[in-house]
Amino acid sequence: MSQGKTSTLVKNFKNLVPGLVAFGSGASPAFATWKKIYDRQRKYAPKDFLDQHETYSPDYFKRFHSQEHNFWVDKELGTEVSQKEIASLMNYKQDFWRVLHVSATLPVVGGYALPFLPLWLGNDTWVPSTFNKTPEELKEWREAQDLYRYRFAPSFITDTKWYFDFHAYPFTAAQERGWDELFEKNDVRRDPAACSVAAKMYDGFIKFELIRRKSLRLMCRSMAFPTFPFWSRLCQGTRVRDYWSLAWNEDYMVITNKLHQSMSDADLYDYAWRRFLAPYDKNLTREQLIERVEDYHTFLGKDFVENGQAPNLVILSNYVLGYYNEPAYLEEDIAELDKNDYDHLASWGKDAFLRRLEFENGPLRDQVEAHSQRLLASRKEAESK
């Protein structure tokens, strides 16, 4: 996570009014794009998508979103909405969430929130992208977003691996290979076809609608979504659903029309970055970007193109965020690994004879000696009478 800097504070303070004006002016085209998508959903979406806004799990007794019923890829969306309009809407949604969480403090605590304004403007993590007027400022802002992703992605990936390993284990060699391949570090190319095998296998055990609150919080933070306050699973899950619904509709346009081949370098990098495939600090070449994007398309699979059904969202998130699985950004000290985490269990490692000797020559001896002294004292007192 980036640290607050005076230069960032000055930059954002200068761009505060123009940035808010640009943010406000972007509301109209963003709403127009959303309205087109919403109207098509009301008109063409499957019945279960329209009738069931979320699912109710008898396991958790909570509402959430089902990948089967609450996500829908509109294959004909390209007739009314362009790929660039969806990209613009995705960026605006994230800017809106950043501004919403910060500005909500004003009606809650009133003018007492104003002294904290420098804390918000001094760090690029939670300011909208419209606060950047030059390419250099935009580059610095993207660096702050990437640092936030680098901070939480390893935790989310580790949490997923441990939790899924506890509940189910690969049955076949192909599933085991795909599972191991999924958690390779960010500079190692992972085989998307092998990872998709693991995604299909684990989708039978743990679906997106069963994600734990802790895992969902880590997922949202890895995606640089504001999670303060974290009111409910359904609230944050709705943001994840909205984000990936837009992404998958854009992916369908890109895959079927091979739009990534004709994108400019900047648009291609933005497309990959919004899917967490290409951190900006890596400065990837066009060939490297194309490789990562096409690997991602391979991971989505043929079923995505034919039926609009994406792989398990939890596994897909781990796959794309694997490009941010960089241990060098962890804040912990590696020396912590040399410590003994089980000092409090050291006594259980000794056999019963040693523990008895320690007791007899320690607490028991002290108790017997104190008792003996009291008996001798009482006997001497009796003799003196």
Protein backbone atom coordinates (compact mmCIF):
# COMPACT_ATOMS: atom_id res chain seq x y z
CA MET A 1 0.00 0.00 0.00
CA SER A 2 1.37 3.38 -0.92
CA GLN A 3 2.22 5.88 1.79
CA GLY A 4 0.93 9.44 2.02
CA LYS A 5 3.27 12.02 0.51
CA THR A 6 3.32 15.80 0.47
CA SER A 7 3.72 15.85 -3.30
CA THR A 8 0.62 13.64 -3.67
CA LEU A 9 -1.32 15.91 -1.31
CA VAL A 10 -0.39 18.99 -3.32
CA LYS A 11 -1.23 17.30 -6.61
CA ASN A 12 -4.62 16.04 -5.46
CA PHE A 13 -5.47 19.34 -3.76
CA LYS A 14 -4.80 21.22 -7.01
CA ASN A 15 -6.85 18.71 -8.98
CA LEU A 16 -9.66 18.43 -6.41
CA VAL A 17 -12.18 20.74 -8.08
CA PRO A 18 -11.34 19.82 -11.72
CA GLY A 19 -11.26 16.15 -10.73
CA LEU A 20 -14.69 16.28 -9.09
CA VAL A 21 -16.05 18.16 -12.11
CA ALA A 22 -14.64 15.48 -14.43
CA PHE A 23 -16.05 12.78 -12.16
CA GLY A 24 -19.48 14.40 -12.24
CA SER A 25 -19.41 14.86 -16.01
CA GLY A 26 -18.68 11.16 -16.42
CA ALA A 27 -21.89 10.20 -14.62
CA SER A 28 -24.16 10.83 -17.61
CA PRO A 29 -22.39 8.58 -20.16
CA ALA A 30 -21.82 5.92 -17.49
CA PHE A 31 -25.52 5.93 -16.59
CA ALA A 32 -26.47 5.78 -20.29
CA THR A 33 -24.30 2.68 -20.77
CA TRP A 34 -25.66 1.05 -17.61
CA LYS A 35 -29.23 1.82 -18.73
CA LYS A 36 -28.69 0.08 -22.07
CA ILE A 37 -27.32 -3.01 -20.33
CA TYR A 38 -30.11 -2.97 -17.74
CA ASP A 39 -32.83 -2.62 -20.37
CA ARG A 40 -31.44 -5.55 -22.33
CA GLN A 41 -31.37 -7.64 -19.15
CA ARG A 42 -35.03 -6.83 -18.48
CA LYS A 43 -35.89 -7.77 -22.06
CA TYR A 44 -33.66 -10.73 -22.99
CA ALA A 45 -32.22 -12.26 -19.81
CA PRO A 46 -33.28 -15.76 -18.69
CA LYS A 47 -36.26 -15.99 -16.37
CA ASP A 48 -34.28 -17.18 -13.35
CA PHE A 49 -31.92 -14.19 -13.74
CA LEU A 50 -34.90 -11.82 -13.61
CA ASP A 51 -36.83 -13.58 -10.85
CA GLN A 52 -33.98 -14.48 -8.50
CA HIS A 53 -31.74 -11.55 -7.56
CA GLU A 54 -29.79 -13.63 -5.07
CA THR A 55 -29.74 -17.15 -3.69
CA TYR A 56 -30.42 -18.38 -0.16
CA SER A 57 -28.05 -20.98 1.22
CA PRO A 58 -29.35 -23.50 3.78
CA ASP A 59 -25.72 -24.10 4.78
CA TYR A 60 -24.98 -20.54 5.86
CA PHE A 61 -28.60 -19.36 6.17
CA LYS A 62 -27.60 -16.23 4.28
CA ARG A 63 -28.36 -14.64 0.95
CA PHE A 64 -25.71 -14.27 -1.72
CA HIS A 65 -25.16 -14.43 -5.48
CA SER A 66 -25.19 -17.60 -7.55
CA GLN A 67 -22.93 -17.83 -10.57
CA GLU A 68 -25.52 -19.93 -12.36
CA HIS A 69 -28.52 -17.66 -11.81
CA ASN A 70 -27.26 -14.16 -10.96
CA PHE A 71 -24.64 -13.71 -13.71
CA TRP A 72 -25.55 -13.39 -17.36
CA VAL A 73 -23.42 -12.84 -20.47
CA ASP A 74 -25.43 -11.03 -23.14
CA LYS A 75 -24.08 -12.39 -26.42
CA GLU A 76 -25.83 -9.67 -28.45
CA LEU A 77 -24.82 -6.78 -26.20
CA GLY A 78 -22.33 -5.58 -28.82
CA THR A 79 -25.21 -4.46 -31.04
CA GLU A 80 -25.99 -1.62 -28.61
CA VAL A 81 -22.92 -1.17 -26.39
CA SER A 82 -19.31 -0.99 -27.52
CA GLN A 83 -16.34 -2.55 -25.78
CA LYS A 84 -14.93 0.90 -24.93
CA GLU A 85 -18.20 1.93 -23.30
CA ILE A 86 -18.07 -1.12 -21.02
CA ALA A 87 -14.43 -0.35 -20.17
CA SER A 88 -15.38 3.23 -19.31
CA LEU A 89 -18.28 2.03 -17.14
CA MET A 90 -16.02 -0.38 -15.24
CA ASN A 91 -13.54 2.40 -14.47
CA TYR A 92 -16.31 4.78 -13.46
CA LYS A 93 -17.88 2.24 -11.11
CA GLN A 94 -14.62 1.87 -9.23
CA ASP A 95 -14.17 5.64 -9.04
CA PHE A 96 -17.74 5.93 -7.77
CA TRP A 97 -17.12 3.41 -4.99
CA ARG A 98 -13.98 5.30 -3.90
CA VAL A 99 -15.76 8.64 -3.78
CA LEU A 100 -18.87 7.14 -2.16
CA HIS A 101 -17.06 5.68 0.84
CA VAL A 102 -15.07 8.85 1.52
CA SER A 103 -17.90 11.33 0.94
CA ALA A 104 -20.27 9.28 3.12
CA THR A 105 -18.36 10.50 6.18
CA LEU A 106 -19.79 14.03 5.68
CA PRO A 107 -23.46 13.18 6.33
CA VAL A 108 -22.41 10.76 9.08
CA VAL A 109 -20.11 12.98 11.19
CA GLY A 110 -20.62 16.34 9.48
CA GLY A 111 -17.87 18.93 9.54
CA TYR A 112 -15.75 16.74 11.82
CA ALA A 113 -14.77 14.80 8.69
CA LEU A 114 -13.06 17.81 7.07
CA PRO A 115 -9.85 17.62 9.16
CA PHE A 116 -9.31 14.17 7.65
CA LEU A 117 -9.43 15.53 4.10
CA PRO A 118 -5.61 15.78 3.87
CA LEU A 119 -5.35 12.09 4.79
CA TRP A 120 -7.55 11.21 1.82
CA LEU A 121 -5.81 13.55 -0.63
CA GLY A 122 -2.33 12.61 0.57
CA ASN A 123 -2.63 9.08 -0.77
CA ASP A 124 -3.66 7.97 -4.27
CA THR A 125 -5.20 4.69 -3.10
CA TRP A 126 -8.74 6.00 -2.58
CA VAL A 127 -8.93 9.04 -4.87
CA PRO A 128 -10.67 8.62 -8.26
CA SER A 129 -8.70 8.40 -11.48
CA THR A 130 -10.14 11.75 -12.58
CA PHE A 131 -7.79 13.51 -10.14
CA ASN A 132 -4.92 12.91 -12.58
CA LYS A 133 -4.39 15.38 -15.41
CA THR A 134 -1.08 14.25 -16.90
CA PRO A 135 0.32 10.84 -17.92
CA GLU A 136 2.89 11.11 -15.13
CA GLU A 137 0.19 11.66 -12.51
CA LEU A 138 -1.87 8.78 -13.90
CA LYS A 139 1.19 6.51 -13.76
CA GLU A 140 1.73 7.39 -10.09
CA TRP A 141 -1.95 6.76 -9.36
CA ARG A 142 -1.83 3.33 -11.03
CA GLU A 143 1.27 2.50 -9.01
CA ALA A 144 -0.70 3.15 -5.81
CA GLN A 145 -3.50 0.87 -7.02
CA ASP A 146 -1.01 -1.87 -7.86
CA LEU A 147 0.67 -1.59 -4.47
CA TYR A 148 -2.71 -2.16 -2.81
CA ARG A 149 -3.25 -5.23 -4.98
CA TYR A 150 0.25 -6.51 -4.20
CA ARG A 151 -0.45 -6.13 -0.50
CA PHE A 152 -3.61 -8.25 -0.29
CA ALA A 153 -3.41 -10.69 -3.23
CA PRO A 154 -0.96 -13.12 -1.51
CA SER A 155 -3.19 -13.28 1.57
CA PHE A 156 -6.30 -13.97 -0.50
CA ILE A 157 -4.55 -16.67 -2.53
CA THR A 158 -3.11 -18.37 0.58
CA ASP A 159 -6.48 -18.24 2.34
CA THR A 160 -8.17 -19.85 -0.66
CA LYS A 161 -5.57 -22.60 -0.95
CA TRP A 162 -5.72 -23.57 2.72
CA TYR A 163 -9.52 -23.44 2.88
CA PHE A 164 -10.07 -25.43 -0.31
CA ASP A 165 -7.39 -27.98 0.62
CA PHE A 166 -9.19 -28.55 3.90
CA HIS A 167 -12.54 -29.27 2.23
CA ALA A 168 -11.51 -31.21 -0.84
CA TYR A 169 -8.41 -32.57 -2.50
CA PRO A 170 -7.78 -33.29 -6.20
CA PHE A 171 -8.79 -36.80 -7.20
CA THR A 172 -6.82 -37.17 -10.42
CA ALA A 173 -3.30 -36.31 -11.54
CA ALA A 174 -4.66 -33.65 -13.93
CA GLN A 175 -6.59 -31.97 -11.15
CA GLU A 176 -3.59 -32.07 -8.84
CA ARG A 177 -1.32 -30.58 -11.50
CA GLY A 178 -3.82 -27.81 -12.22
CA TRP A 179 -4.18 -27.03 -8.51
CA ASP A 180 -0.41 -26.75 -8.06
CA GLU A 181 -0.09 -24.76 -11.27
CA LEU A 182 -2.68 -22.26 -10.06
CA PHE A 183 -0.53 -21.10 -7.14
CA GLU A 184 2.76 -20.53 -8.93
CA LYS A 185 4.35 -17.14 -8.29
CA ASN A 186 3.61 -14.21 -10.57
CA ASP A 187 6.59 -14.43 -12.94
CA VAL A 188 5.97 -18.09 -13.75
CA ARG A 189 3.61 -18.72 -16.65
CA ARG A 190 0.78 -21.01 -15.58
CA ASP A 191 -0.92 -23.40 -17.93
CA PRO A 192 -4.51 -22.05 -18.24
CA ALA A 193 -5.85 -25.34 -19.57
CA ALA A 194 -4.49 -27.20 -16.54
CA CYS A 195 -5.83 -24.56 -14.13
CA SER A 196 -9.30 -24.75 -15.68
CA VAL A 197 -9.42 -28.48 -14.84
CA ALA A 198 -8.94 -27.62 -11.16
CA ALA A 199 -11.56 -24.86 -11.43
CA LYS A 200 -14.16 -27.31 -12.72
CA MET A 201 -13.31 -29.82 -10.02
CA TYR A 202 -13.56 -27.35 -7.13
CA ASP A 203 -16.75 -25.79 -8.49
CA GLY A 204 -18.46 -28.96 -7.37
CA PHE A 205 -17.43 -28.36 -3.77
CA ILE A 206 -17.24 -24.63 -3.02
CA LYS A 207 -19.19 -22.22 -5.18
CA PHE A 208 -19.03 -18.44 -5.14
CA GLU A 209 -22.28 -18.24 -3.16
CA LEU A 210 -20.59 -20.10 -0.27
CA ILE A 211 -17.56 -17.79 0.02
CA ARG A 212 -16.74 -16.87 3.60
CA ARG A 213 -16.86 -13.28 4.85
CA LYS A 214 -13.11 -13.29 5.50
CA SER A 215 -12.30 -14.59 2.01
CA LEU A 216 -14.67 -12.09 0.40
CA ARG A 217 -13.04 -9.22 2.26
CA LEU A 218 -9.60 -10.32 1.07
CA MET A 219 -10.92 -10.71 -2.49
CA CYS A 220 -12.35 -7.19 -2.50
CA ARG A 221 -9.18 -5.69 -1.09
CA SER A 222 -7.11 -7.56 -3.66
CA MET A 223 -9.33 -5.98 -6.32
CA ALA A 224 -8.79 -2.55 -4.68
CA PHE A 225 -12.43 -2.22 -3.64
CA PRO A 226 -13.06 -0.14 -0.51
CA THR A 227 -14.15 -2.40 2.34
CA PHE A 228 -14.61 0.17 5.10
CA PRO A 229 -17.12 -0.35 6.54
CA PHE A 230 -17.80 -3.96 5.59
CA TRP A 231 -21.53 -4.04 6.25
CA SER A 232 -22.42 -7.46 4.82
CA ARG A 233 -21.36 -10.23 2.47
CA LEU A 234 -24.22 -9.36 0.14
CA CYS A 235 -23.11 -5.73 -0.21
CA GLN A 236 -19.52 -6.53 -1.19
CA GLY A 237 -20.60 -9.58 -3.18
CA THR A 238 -22.83 -7.33 -5.27
CA ARG A 239 -19.82 -5.24 -6.22
CA VAL A 240 -17.84 -8.30 -7.20
CA ARG A 241 -20.80 -9.55 -9.24
CA ASP A 242 -21.27 -6.19 -10.99
CA TYR A 243 -17.57 -5.91 -11.80
CA TRP A 244 -17.16 -9.38 -13.24
CA SER A 245 -20.50 -9.27 -15.06
CA LEU A 246 -19.26 -6.25 -16.98
CA ALA A 247 -15.84 -7.85 -17.47
CA TRP A 248 -17.29 -11.07 -18.86
CA ASN A 249 -19.62 -9.25 -21.24
CA GLU A 250 -16.61 -7.31 -22.50
CA ASP A 251 -14.58 -10.54 -22.67
CA TYR A 252 -17.22 -12.14 -24.88
CA MET A 253 -16.99 -9.22 -27.32
CA VAL A 254 -13.19 -9.36 -27.31
CA ILE A 255 -12.97 -13.13 -27.75
CA THR A 256 -15.58 -13.51 -30.48
CA ASN A 257 -14.32 -10.51 -32.48
CA LYS A 258 -10.60 -10.81 -31.54
CA LEU A 259 -10.62 -7.16 -30.52
CA HIS A 260 -7.45 -7.48 -28.45
CA GLN A 261 -5.47 -7.97 -31.65
CA SER A 262 -6.45 -4.51 -32.92
CA MET A 263 -6.34 -2.58 -29.63
CA SER A 264 -3.77 0.13 -29.13
CA ASP A 265 -0.96 -0.60 -26.66
CA ALA A 266 -2.57 1.65 -24.02
CA ASP A 267 -6.04 0.10 -24.44
CA LEU A 268 -4.61 -3.42 -24.37
CA TYR A 269 -2.71 -2.70 -21.16
CA ASP A 270 -5.85 -1.18 -19.60
CA TYR A 271 -7.90 -4.21 -20.66
CA ALA A 272 -5.37 -6.57 -19.06
CA TRP A 273 -4.96 -4.40 -15.96
CA ARG A 274 -8.69 -4.33 -15.27
CA ARG A 275 -8.53 -8.14 -15.20
CA PHE A 276 -5.48 -8.10 -12.90
CA LEU A 277 -3.30 -9.68 -15.58
CA ALA A 278 -0.67 -6.97 -15.98
CA PRO A 279 0.70 -4.81 -13.15
CA TYR A 280 1.95 -1.53 -14.59
CA ASP A 281 5.29 -1.78 -12.78
CA LYS A 282 6.17 -4.81 -14.95
CA ASN A 283 6.20 -2.68 -18.14
CA LEU A 284 5.16 -5.66 -20.24
CA THR A 285 5.63 -5.66 -23.99
CA ARG A 286 2.71 -6.05 -26.37
CA GLU A 287 3.67 -9.67 -27.02
CA GLN A 288 3.68 -10.43 -23.29
CA LEU A 289 0.30 -8.74 -22.86
CA ILE A 290 -1.19 -10.72 -25.74
CA GLU A 291 0.13 -13.94 -24.21
CA ARG A 292 -1.42 -13.21 -20.81
CA VAL A 293 -4.73 -12.10 -22.32
CA GLU A 294 -4.99 -15.17 -24.53
CA ASP A 295 -4.08 -17.41 -21.59
CA TYR A 296 -6.92 -15.77 -19.67
CA HIS A 297 -9.28 -16.41 -22.59
CA THR A 298 -8.15 -20.04 -22.64
CA PHE A 299 -8.87 -20.29 -18.91
CA LEU A 300 -12.42 -19.01 -19.51
CA GLY A 301 -12.84 -22.00 -21.81
CA LYS A 302 -15.13 -23.03 -24.65
CA ASP A 303 -18.12 -23.23 -22.34
CA PHE A 304 -17.82 -19.48 -21.80
CA VAL A 305 -18.02 -18.74 -25.52
CA GLU A 306 -20.80 -21.25 -26.18
CA ASN A 307 -22.97 -20.82 -23.09
CA GLY A 308 -21.63 -17.68 -21.39
CA GLN A 309 -20.73 -19.68 -18.28
CA ALA A 310 -17.43 -18.65 -16.68
CA PRO A 311 -15.33 -20.89 -14.39
CA ASN A 312 -15.69 -20.80 -10.62
CA LEU A 313 -15.28 -17.12 -9.71
CA VAL A 314 -13.18 -17.81 -6.61
CA ILE A 315 -10.70 -19.91 -8.61
CA LEU A 316 -10.77 -17.44 -11.51
CA SER A 317 -9.94 -14.60 -9.09
CA ASN A 318 -7.01 -16.61 -7.74
CA TYR A 319 -5.81 -17.27 -11.28
CA VAL A 320 -5.77 -13.61 -12.38
CA LEU A 321 -4.56 -12.26 -9.02
CA GLY A 322 -1.71 -14.75 -9.23
CA TYR A 323 0.08 -12.09 -11.28
CA TYR A 324 0.18 -10.07 -8.04
CA ASN A 325 1.33 -13.00 -5.93
CA GLU A 326 4.70 -11.42 -5.28
CA PRO A 327 6.20 -12.27 -1.86
CA ALA A 328 8.62 -9.32 -2.10
CA TYR A 329 5.72 -6.99 -1.30
CA LEU A 330 4.78 -8.74 1.94
CA GLU A 331 5.27 -6.62 5.05
CA GLU A 332 6.23 -9.50 7.33
CA ASP A 333 9.86 -10.18 8.23
CA ILE A 334 11.23 -13.53 7.04
CA ALA A 335 12.99 -13.88 10.41
CA GLU A 336 9.57 -14.58 11.91
CA LEU A 337 9.72 -18.00 10.26
CA ASP A 338 12.65 -18.97 12.50
CA LYS A 339 10.62 -18.55 15.68
CA ASN A 340 8.97 -21.45 17.45
CA ASP A 341 5.22 -21.04 17.23
CA TYR A 342 4.60 -23.87 19.71
CA ASP A 343 6.50 -22.84 22.84
CA HIS A 344 3.30 -23.22 24.83
CA LEU A 345 3.16 -26.90 23.78
CA ALA A 346 6.77 -27.73 24.71
CA SER A 347 5.74 -29.65 27.84
CA TRP A 348 3.69 -32.06 25.72
CA GLY A 349 6.85 -33.15 23.94
CA LYS A 350 8.30 -34.66 27.13
CA ASP A 351 7.47 -38.12 28.33
CA ALA A 352 5.52 -38.74 31.49
CA PHE A 353 8.62 -39.67 33.55
CA LEU A 354 10.39 -36.36 32.85
CA ARG A 355 7.24 -34.37 33.56
CA ARG A 356 6.83 -36.23 36.88
CA LEU A 357 10.46 -35.55 37.85
CA GLU A 358 10.01 -31.85 37.09
CA PHE A 359 6.84 -31.77 39.18
CA GLU A 360 8.32 -33.68 42.13
CA ASN A 361 11.47 -31.54 42.14
CA GLY A 362 9.60 -28.32 41.53
CA PRO A 363 6.08 -27.42 42.71
CA LEU A 364 5.56 -30.62 44.74
CA ARG A 365 8.87 -30.21 46.61
CA ASP A 366 8.04 -26.62 47.50
CA GLN A 367 4.58 -27.60 48.73
CA VAL A 368 5.95 -30.51 50.83
CA GLU A 369 8.65 -28.30 52.34
CA ALA A 370 6.17 -25.59 53.26
CA HIS A 371 3.84 -28.18 54.79
CA SER A 372 6.74 -29.73 56.74
CA GLN A 373 7.79 -26.36 58.11
CA ARG A 374 4.27 -25.69 59.33
CA LEU A 375 4.16 -29.11 61.10
CA LEU A 376 7.54 -28.51 62.77
CA ALA A 377 6.47 -25.06 63.89
CA SER A 378 3.23 -26.35 65.40
CA ARG A 379 5.08 -29.21 67.14
CA LYS A 380 7.65 -26.83 68.64
CA GLU A 381 4.88 -24.54 69.79
CA ALA A 382 3.14 -27.51 71.49
CA GLU A 383 6.35 -28.60 73.26
CA SER A 384 6.98 -25.12 74.64
CA LYS A 385 3.63 -25.19 76.47
